[in-house]
Amino acid sequence: MKTNKKAIVLAVASGILLGVFVIQPITVSLHAFDSHVQGESWFSYLMDSYGQVLSFTDMKGTLLAMFYGVMAALFVMMITTKRRKKTE
């Protein structure tokens, strides 16, 4: 079975984008909300974490989110490749 390079690049890119722009802000805002509950809404923490992600001030967190996004994308590709081999 030949691996499709375009599919690999698409999976890795989507994993990075999902990890950096969806998963990281949500987890950071939930952690901040849980740590500092003072009657504020979670939405304000979410907006602060999106500002932090878009300004790339937390480079360590961004790199970690990119790493986990790539790992998740490769894991999904591994599972789909195994399913394709079983059906063939």
PDB file of N, CA and C in Angstrom:
ATOM      1  N   MET A   1       0.837  -1.176   0.000  1.00  0.00           N
ATOM      2  CA  MET A   1       0.000   0.000   0.000  1.00  0.00           C
ATOM      3  C   MET A   1       0.886   1.244   0.000  1.00  0.00           C
ATOM      4  N   LYS A   2       0.649   2.104  -0.934  1.00  0.00           N
ATOM      5  CA  LYS A   2       1.431   3.320  -1.092  1.00  0.00           C
ATOM      6  C   LYS A   2       0.847   4.426  -0.206  1.00  0.00           C
ATOM      7  N   THR A   3       1.706   5.098   0.547  1.00  0.00           N
ATOM      8  CA  THR A   3       1.224   6.195   1.386  1.00  0.00           C
ATOM      9  C   THR A   3       1.090   7.456   0.549  1.00  0.00           C
ATOM     10  N   ASN A   4       0.047   8.162   0.789  1.00  0.00           N
ATOM     11  CA  ASN A   4      -0.240   9.383   0.066  1.00  0.00           C
ATOM     12  C   ASN A   4       0.370  10.556   0.841  1.00  0.00           C
ATOM     13  N   LYS A   5       1.372  11.207   0.259  1.00  0.00           N
ATOM     14  CA  LYS A   5       2.070  12.302   0.940  1.00  0.00           C
ATOM     15  C   LYS A   5       1.145  13.483   1.204  1.00  0.00           C
ATOM     16  N   LYS A   6       0.222  13.724   0.293  1.00  0.00           N
ATOM     17  CA  LYS A   6      -0.713  14.826   0.474  1.00  0.00           C
ATOM     18  C   LYS A   6      -1.618  14.572   1.681  1.00  0.00           C
ATOM     19  N   ALA A   7      -2.040  13.330   1.861  1.00  0.00           N
ATOM     20  CA  ALA A   7      -2.886  12.990   3.011  1.00  0.00           C
ATOM     21  C   ALA A   7      -2.121  13.131   4.319  1.00  0.00           C
ATOM     22  N   ILE A   8      -0.846  12.771   4.306  1.00  0.00           N
ATOM     23  CA  ILE A   8      -0.029  12.904   5.514  1.00  0.00           C
ATOM     24  C   ILE A   8       0.148  14.374   5.881  1.00  0.00           C
ATOM     25  N   VAL A   9       0.470  15.199   4.908  1.00  0.00           N
ATOM     26  CA  VAL A   9       0.652  16.632   5.164  1.00  0.00           C
ATOM     27  C   VAL A   9      -0.653  17.260   5.635  1.00  0.00           C
ATOM     28  N   LEU A  10      -1.765  16.882   5.025  1.00  0.00           N
ATOM     29  CA  LEU A  10      -3.064  17.410   5.430  1.00  0.00           C
ATOM     30  C   LEU A  10      -3.414  16.989   6.855  1.00  0.00           C
ATOM     31  N   ALA A  11      -3.139  15.742   7.198  1.00  0.00           N
ATOM     32  CA  ALA A  11      -3.432  15.262   8.551  1.00  0.00           C
ATOM     33  C   ALA A  11      -2.567  15.957   9.590  1.00  0.00           C
ATOM     34  N   VAL A  12      -1.289  16.125   9.297  1.00  0.00           N
ATOM     35  CA  VAL A  12      -0.390  16.793  10.246  1.00  0.00           C
ATOM     36  C   VAL A  12      -0.773  18.265  10.394  1.00  0.00           C
ATOM     37  N   ALA A  13      -1.069  18.934   9.292  1.00  0.00           N
ATOM     38  CA  ALA A  13      -1.447  20.347   9.358  1.00  0.00           C
ATOM     39  C   ALA A  13      -2.756  20.535  10.120  1.00  0.00           C
ATOM     40  N   SER A  14      -3.729  19.681   9.857  1.00  0.00           N
ATOM     41  CA  SER A  14      -4.994  19.806  10.581  1.00  0.00           C
ATOM     42  C   SER A  14      -4.816  19.472  12.055  1.00  0.00           C
ATOM     43  N   GLY A  15      -3.942  18.521  12.371  1.00  0.00           N
ATOM     44  CA  GLY A  15      -3.664  18.209  13.769  1.00  0.00           C
ATOM     45  C   GLY A  15      -3.008  19.367  14.493  1.00  0.00           C
ATOM     46  N   ILE A  16      -2.065  20.024  13.829  1.00  0.00           N
ATOM     47  CA  ILE A  16      -1.402  21.185  14.440  1.00  0.00           C
ATOM     48  C   ILE A  16      -2.404  22.312  14.657  1.00  0.00           C
ATOM     49  N   LEU A  17      -3.206  22.605  13.647  1.00  0.00           N
ATOM     50  CA  LEU A  17      -4.186  23.681  13.782  1.00  0.00           C
ATOM     51  C   LEU A  17      -5.212  23.376  14.864  1.00  0.00           C
ATOM     52  N   LEU A  18      -5.677  22.136  14.913  1.00  0.00           N
ATOM     53  CA  LEU A  18      -6.632  21.746  15.944  1.00  0.00           C
ATOM     54  C   LEU A  18      -6.000  21.830  17.328  1.00  0.00           C
ATOM     55  N   GLY A  19      -4.770  21.367  17.443  1.00  0.00           N
ATOM     56  CA  GLY A  19      -4.096  21.403  18.738  1.00  0.00           C
ATOM     57  C   GLY A  19      -3.819  22.810  19.230  1.00  0.00           C
ATOM     58  N   VAL A  20      -3.350  23.674  18.338  1.00  0.00           N
ATOM     59  CA  VAL A  20      -2.946  25.023  18.742  1.00  0.00           C
ATOM     60  C   VAL A  20      -4.140  25.955  18.903  1.00  0.00           C
ATOM     61  N   PHE A  21      -5.095  25.905  17.978  1.00  0.00           N
ATOM     62  CA  PHE A  21      -6.164  26.900  17.975  1.00  0.00           C
ATOM     63  C   PHE A  21      -7.471  26.444  18.597  1.00  0.00           C
ATOM     64  N   VAL A  22      -7.598  25.165  18.962  1.00  0.00           N
ATOM     65  CA  VAL A  22      -8.830  24.707  19.604  1.00  0.00           C
ATOM     66  C   VAL A  22      -8.536  24.096  20.973  1.00  0.00           C
ATOM     67  N   ILE A  23      -7.694  23.080  20.993  1.00  0.00           N
ATOM     68  CA  ILE A  23      -7.483  22.336  22.231  1.00  0.00           C
ATOM     69  C   ILE A  23      -6.715  23.157  23.263  1.00  0.00           C
ATOM     70  N   GLN A  24      -5.623  23.810  22.855  1.00  0.00           N
ATOM     71  CA  GLN A  24      -4.824  24.569  23.821  1.00  0.00           C
ATOM     72  C   GLN A  24      -5.613  25.703  24.472  1.00  0.00           C
ATOM     73  N   PRO A  25      -6.313  26.559  23.726  1.00  0.00           N
ATOM     74  CA  PRO A  25      -7.052  27.636  24.403  1.00  0.00           C
ATOM     75  C   PRO A  25      -8.136  27.124  25.347  1.00  0.00           C
ATOM     76  N   ILE A  26      -8.798  26.047  24.955  1.00  0.00           N
ATOM     77  CA  ILE A  26      -9.850  25.521  25.819  1.00  0.00           C
ATOM     78  C   ILE A  26      -9.263  24.966  27.108  1.00  0.00           C
ATOM     79  N   THR A  27      -8.186  24.198  27.001  1.00  0.00           N
ATOM     80  CA  THR A  27      -7.600  23.628  28.217  1.00  0.00           C
ATOM     81  C   THR A  27      -6.983  24.697  29.109  1.00  0.00           C
ATOM     82  N   VAL A  28      -6.338  25.688  28.516  1.00  0.00           N
ATOM     83  CA  VAL A  28      -5.746  26.768  29.319  1.00  0.00           C
ATOM     84  C   VAL A  28      -6.839  27.562  30.023  1.00  0.00           C
ATOM     85  N   SER A  29      -7.920  27.867  29.314  1.00  0.00           N
ATOM     86  CA  SER A  29      -8.996  28.647  29.930  1.00  0.00           C
ATOM     87  C   SER A  29      -9.721  27.849  31.009  1.00  0.00           C
ATOM     88  N   LEU A  30      -9.911  26.553  30.800  1.00  0.00           N
ATOM     89  CA  LEU A  30     -10.547  25.737  31.839  1.00  0.00           C
ATOM     90  C   LEU A  30      -9.671  25.651  33.085  1.00  0.00           C
ATOM     91  N   HIS A  31      -8.367  25.533  32.887  1.00  0.00           N
ATOM     92  CA  HIS A  31      -7.456  25.502  34.037  1.00  0.00           C
ATOM     93  C   HIS A  31      -7.477  26.833  34.786  1.00  0.00           C
ATOM     94  N   ALA A  32      -7.442  27.932  34.058  1.00  0.00           N
ATOM     95  CA  ALA A  32      -7.467  29.250  34.701  1.00  0.00           C
ATOM     96  C   ALA A  32      -8.794  29.481  35.417  1.00  0.00           C
ATOM     97  N   PHE A  33      -9.886  29.076  34.810  1.00  0.00           N
ATOM     98  CA  PHE A  33     -11.204  29.243  35.426  1.00  0.00           C
ATOM     99  C   PHE A  33     -11.313  28.411  36.699  1.00  0.00           C
ATOM    100  N   ASP A  34     -10.793  27.196  36.651  1.00  0.00           N
ATOM    101  CA  ASP A  34     -10.843  26.319  37.820  1.00  0.00           C
ATOM    102  C   ASP A  34      -9.950  26.840  38.941  1.00  0.00           C
ATOM    103  N   SER A  35      -8.839  27.451  38.586  1.00  0.00           N
ATOM    104  CA  SER A  35      -7.898  27.943  39.597  1.00  0.00           C
ATOM    105  C   SER A  35      -8.317  29.274  40.215  1.00  0.00           C
ATOM    106  N   HIS A  36      -9.003  30.107  39.455  1.00  0.00           N
ATOM    107  CA  HIS A  36      -9.283  31.478  39.899  1.00  0.00           C
ATOM    108  C   HIS A  36     -10.765  31.825  39.862  1.00  0.00           C
ATOM    109  N   VAL A  37     -11.617  30.958  40.305  1.00  0.00           N
ATOM    110  CA  VAL A  37     -13.054  31.253  40.255  1.00  0.00           C
ATOM    111  C   VAL A  37     -13.358  32.386  41.237  1.00  0.00           C
ATOM    112  N   GLN A  38     -13.736  33.519  40.655  1.00  0.00           N
ATOM    113  CA  GLN A  38     -14.084  34.693  41.468  1.00  0.00           C
ATOM    114  C   GLN A  38     -15.372  35.312  40.953  1.00  0.00           C
ATOM    115  N   GLY A  39     -16.293  34.489  40.502  1.00  0.00           N
ATOM    116  CA  GLY A  39     -17.549  35.000  39.988  1.00  0.00           C
ATOM    117  C   GLY A  39     -17.488  35.420  38.535  1.00  0.00           C
ATOM    118  N   GLU A  40     -16.342  35.256  37.906  1.00  0.00           N
ATOM    119  CA  GLU A  40     -16.217  35.618  36.495  1.00  0.00           C
ATOM    120  C   GLU A  40     -16.721  34.475  35.623  1.00  0.00           C
ATOM    121  N   SER A  41     -17.015  34.803  34.393  1.00  0.00           N
ATOM    122  CA  SER A  41     -17.465  33.756  33.472  1.00  0.00           C
ATOM    123  C   SER A  41     -16.261  33.090  32.812  1.00  0.00           C
ATOM    124  N   TRP A  42     -16.476  31.872  32.383  1.00  0.00           N
ATOM    125  CA  TRP A  42     -15.421  31.112  31.706  1.00  0.00           C
ATOM    126  C   TRP A  42     -15.073  31.752  30.369  1.00  0.00           C
ATOM    127  N   PHE A  43     -16.051  32.421  29.748  1.00  0.00           N
ATOM    128  CA  PHE A  43     -15.845  33.023  28.433  1.00  0.00           C
ATOM    129  C   PHE A  43     -14.730  34.073  28.459  1.00  0.00           C
ATOM    130  N   SER A  44     -14.627  34.832  29.530  1.00  0.00           N
ATOM    131  CA  SER A  44     -13.553  35.838  29.604  1.00  0.00           C
ATOM    132  C   SER A  44     -12.183  35.168  29.658  1.00  0.00           C
ATOM    133  N   TYR A  45     -12.093  34.037  30.362  1.00  0.00           N
ATOM    134  CA  TYR A  45     -10.835  33.287  30.382  1.00  0.00           C
ATOM    135  C   TYR A  45     -10.523  32.704  29.007  1.00  0.00           C
ATOM    136  N   LEU A  46     -11.561  32.272  28.307  1.00  0.00           N
ATOM    137  CA  LEU A  46     -11.365  31.721  26.961  1.00  0.00           C
ATOM    138  C   LEU A  46     -10.835  32.788  26.010  1.00  0.00           C
ATOM    139  N   MET A  47     -11.391  33.992  26.074  1.00  0.00           N
ATOM    140  CA  MET A  47     -10.916  35.071  25.205  1.00  0.00           C
ATOM    141  C   MET A  47      -9.474  35.454  25.541  1.00  0.00           C
ATOM    142  N   ASP A  48      -9.133  35.463  26.822  1.00  0.00           N
ATOM    143  CA  ASP A  48      -7.745  35.748  27.216  1.00  0.00           C
ATOM    144  C   ASP A  48      -6.792  34.683  26.688  1.00  0.00           C
ATOM    145  N   SER A  49      -7.211  33.430  26.752  1.00  0.00           N
ATOM    146  CA  SER A  49      -6.326  32.359  26.274  1.00  0.00           C
ATOM    147  C   SER A  49      -6.191  32.394  24.754  1.00  0.00           C
ATOM    148  N   TYR A  50      -7.256  32.779  24.029  1.00  0.00           N
ATOM    149  CA  TYR A  50      -7.120  32.938  22.576  1.00  0.00           C
ATOM    150  C   TYR A  50      -6.182  34.090  22.244  1.00  0.00           C
ATOM    151  N   GLY A  51      -6.238  35.164  23.013  1.00  0.00           N
ATOM    152  CA  GLY A  51      -5.295  36.261  22.810  1.00  0.00           C
ATOM    153  C   GLY A  51      -3.865  35.830  23.058  1.00  0.00           C
ATOM    154  N   GLN A  52      -3.679  34.994  24.060  1.00  0.00           N
ATOM    155  CA  GLN A  52      -2.348  34.469  24.367  1.00  0.00           C
ATOM    156  C   GLN A  52      -1.853  33.560  23.247  1.00  0.00           C
ATOM    157  N   VAL A  53      -2.735  32.727  22.709  1.00  0.00           N
ATOM    158  CA  VAL A  53      -2.338  31.811  21.632  1.00  0.00           C
ATOM    159  C   VAL A  53      -2.030  32.583  20.353  1.00  0.00           C
ATOM    160  N   LEU A  54      -2.858  33.548  20.012  1.00  0.00           N
ATOM    161  CA  LEU A  54      -2.660  34.291  18.768  1.00  0.00           C
ATOM    162  C   LEU A  54      -1.442  35.209  18.818  1.00  0.00           C
ATOM    163  N   SER A  55      -1.035  35.629  20.012  1.00  0.00           N
ATOM    164  CA  SER A  55       0.163  36.462  20.114  1.00  0.00           C
ATOM    165  C   SER A  55       1.426  35.630  20.301  1.00  0.00           C
ATOM    166  N   PHE A  56       1.271  34.326  20.447  1.00  0.00           N
ATOM    167  CA  PHE A  56       2.389  33.390  20.621  1.00  0.00           C
ATOM    168  C   PHE A  56       3.292  33.786  21.790  1.00  0.00           C
ATOM    169  N   THR A  57       2.696  34.257  22.890  1.00  0.00           N
ATOM    170  CA  THR A  57       3.494  34.597  24.065  1.00  0.00           C
ATOM    171  C   THR A  57       3.896  33.354  24.857  1.00  0.00           C
ATOM    172  N   ASP A  58       3.082  32.316  24.795  1.00  0.00           N
ATOM    173  CA  ASP A  58       3.393  31.064  25.494  1.00  0.00           C
ATOM    174  C   ASP A  58       3.952  30.076  24.474  1.00  0.00           C
ATOM    175  N   MET A  59       5.208  30.273  24.093  1.00  0.00           N
ATOM    176  CA  MET A  59       5.806  29.450  23.042  1.00  0.00           C
ATOM    177  C   MET A  59       5.940  27.992  23.467  1.00  0.00           C
ATOM    178  N   LYS A  60       6.241  27.757  24.733  1.00  0.00           N
ATOM    179  CA  LYS A  60       6.361  26.379  25.214  1.00  0.00           C
ATOM    180  C   LYS A  60       5.019  25.656  25.089  1.00  0.00           C
ATOM    181  N   GLY A  61       3.944  26.311  25.480  1.00  0.00           N
ATOM    182  CA  GLY A  61       2.618  25.711  25.359  1.00  0.00           C
ATOM    183  C   GLY A  61       2.213  25.506  23.915  1.00  0.00           C
ATOM    184  N   THR A  62       2.572  26.451  23.053  1.00  0.00           N
ATOM    185  CA  THR A  62       2.257  26.327  21.633  1.00  0.00           C
ATOM    186  C   THR A  62       2.999  25.157  21.011  1.00  0.00           C
ATOM    187  N   LEU A  63       4.276  25.019  21.324  1.00  0.00           N
ATOM    188  CA  LEU A  63       5.046  23.887  20.793  1.00  0.00           C
ATOM    189  C   LEU A  63       4.516  22.559  21.320  1.00  0.00           C
ATOM    190  N   LEU A  64       4.102  22.539  22.567  1.00  0.00           N
ATOM    191  CA  LEU A  64       3.531  21.323  23.134  1.00  0.00           C
ATOM    192  C   LEU A  64       2.211  20.974  22.455  1.00  0.00           C
ATOM    193  N   ALA A  65       1.381  21.981  22.195  1.00  0.00           N
ATOM    194  CA  ALA A  65       0.120  21.734  21.497  1.00  0.00           C
ATOM    195  C   ALA A  65       0.373  21.254  20.069  1.00  0.00           C
ATOM    196  N   MET A  66       1.390  21.808  19.410  1.00  0.00           N
ATOM    197  CA  MET A  66       1.735  21.344  18.065  1.00  0.00           C
ATOM    198  C   MET A  66       2.190  19.891  18.100  1.00  0.00           C
ATOM    199  N   PHE A  67       2.991  19.538  19.095  1.00  0.00           N
ATOM    200  CA  PHE A  67       3.466  18.163  19.233  1.00  0.00           C
ATOM    201  C   PHE A  67       2.296  17.203  19.430  1.00  0.00           C
ATOM    202  N   TYR A  68       1.393  17.547  20.340  1.00  0.00           N
ATOM    203  CA  TYR A  68       0.246  16.670  20.574  1.00  0.00           C
ATOM    204  C   TYR A  68      -0.680  16.619  19.361  1.00  0.00           C
ATOM    205  N   GLY A  69      -0.799  17.711  18.643  1.00  0.00           N
ATOM    206  CA  GLY A  69      -1.605  17.706  17.427  1.00  0.00           C
ATOM    207  C   GLY A  69      -1.025  16.794  16.362  1.00  0.00           C
ATOM    208  N   VAL A  70       0.297  16.838  16.192  1.00  0.00           N
ATOM    209  CA  VAL A  70       0.958  15.950  15.220  1.00  0.00           C
ATOM    210  C   VAL A  70       0.814  14.497  15.649  1.00  0.00           C
ATOM    211  N   MET A  71       1.000  14.230  16.931  1.00  0.00           N
ATOM    212  CA  MET A  71       0.869  12.857  17.419  1.00  0.00           C
ATOM    213  C   MET A  71      -0.551  12.333  17.217  1.00  0.00           C
ATOM    214  N   ALA A  72      -1.545  13.165  17.473  1.00  0.00           N
ATOM    215  CA  ALA A  72      -2.930  12.740  17.279  1.00  0.00           C
ATOM    216  C   ALA A  72      -3.224  12.486  15.807  1.00  0.00           C
ATOM    217  N   ALA A  73      -2.719  13.345  14.936  1.00  0.00           N
ATOM    218  CA  ALA A  73      -2.943  13.155  13.502  1.00  0.00           C
ATOM    219  C   ALA A  73      -2.288  11.878  13.008  1.00  0.00           C
ATOM    220  N   LEU A  74      -1.080  11.609  13.453  1.00  0.00           N
ATOM    221  CA  LEU A  74      -0.403  10.383  13.035  1.00  0.00           C
ATOM    222  C   LEU A  74      -1.087   9.145  13.600  1.00  0.00           C
ATOM    223  N   PHE A  75      -1.627   9.242  14.802  1.00  0.00           N
ATOM    224  CA  PHE A  75      -2.360   8.125  15.387  1.00  0.00           C
ATOM    225  C   PHE A  75      -3.619   7.822  14.586  1.00  0.00           C
ATOM    226  N   VAL A  76      -4.337   8.856  14.195  1.00  0.00           N
ATOM    227  CA  VAL A  76      -5.545   8.662  13.383  1.00  0.00           C
ATOM    228  C   VAL A  76      -5.185   8.069  12.028  1.00  0.00           C
ATOM    229  N   MET A  77      -4.093   8.533  11.444  1.00  0.00           N
ATOM    230  CA  MET A  77      -3.669   7.966  10.159  1.00  0.00           C
ATOM    231  C   MET A  77      -3.279   6.505  10.301  1.00  0.00           C
ATOM    232  N   MET A  78      -2.659   6.146  11.410  1.00  0.00           N
ATOM    233  CA  MET A  78      -2.281   4.757  11.643  1.00  0.00           C
ATOM    234  C   MET A  78      -3.526   3.875  11.745  1.00  0.00           C
ATOM    235  N   ILE A  79      -4.542   4.343  12.447  1.00  0.00           N
ATOM    236  CA  ILE A  79      -5.768   3.563  12.586  1.00  0.00           C
ATOM    237  C   ILE A  79      -6.481   3.422  11.249  1.00  0.00           C
ATOM    238  N   THR A  80      -6.575   4.505  10.482  1.00  0.00           N
ATOM    239  CA  THR A  80      -7.262   4.415   9.195  1.00  0.00           C
ATOM    240  C   THR A  80      -6.500   3.540   8.215  1.00  0.00           C
ATOM    241  N   THR A  81      -5.180   3.539   8.282  1.00  0.00           N
ATOM    242  CA  THR A  81      -4.385   2.673   7.412  1.00  0.00           C
ATOM    243  C   THR A  81      -4.622   1.211   7.755  1.00  0.00           C
ATOM    244  N   LYS A  82      -4.707   0.896   9.035  1.00  0.00           N
ATOM    245  CA  LYS A  82      -4.983  -0.486   9.440  1.00  0.00           C
ATOM    246  C   LYS A  82      -6.365  -0.923   8.985  1.00  0.00           C
ATOM    247  N   ARG A  83      -7.341  -0.040   9.057  1.00  0.00           N
ATOM    248  CA  ARG A  83      -8.700  -0.374   8.609  1.00  0.00           C
ATOM    249  C   ARG A  83      -8.730  -0.622   7.105  1.00  0.00           C
ATOM    250  N   ARG A  84      -7.991   0.176   6.363  1.00  0.00           N
ATOM    251  CA  ARG A  84      -7.950  -0.021   4.906  1.00  0.00           C
ATOM    252  C   ARG A  84      -7.314  -1.349   4.551  1.00  0.00           C
ATOM    253  N   LYS A  85      -6.274  -1.733   5.279  1.00  0.00           N
ATOM    254  CA  LYS A  85      -5.607  -3.005   5.005  1.00  0.00           C
ATOM    255  C   LYS A  85      -6.530  -4.174   5.305  1.00  0.00           C
ATOM    256  N   LYS A  86      -7.363  -4.061   6.334  1.00  0.00           N
ATOM    257  CA  LYS A  86      -8.291  -5.137   6.677  1.00  0.00           C
ATOM    258  C   LYS A  86      -9.377  -5.305   5.623  1.00  0.00           C
ATOM    259  N   THR A  87      -9.815  -4.208   5.026  1.00  0.00           N
ATOM    260  CA  THR A  87     -10.885  -4.296   4.035  1.00  0.00           C
ATOM    261  C   THR A  87     -10.381  -4.758   2.674  1.00  0.00           C
ATOM    262  N   GLU A  88      -9.089  -4.642   2.432  1.00  0.00           N
ATOM    263  CA  GLU A  88      -8.547  -5.043   1.125  1.00  0.00           C
ATOM    264  C   GLU A  88      -8.316  -6.506   1.028  1.00  0.00           C
TER     265      GLU A  88
END
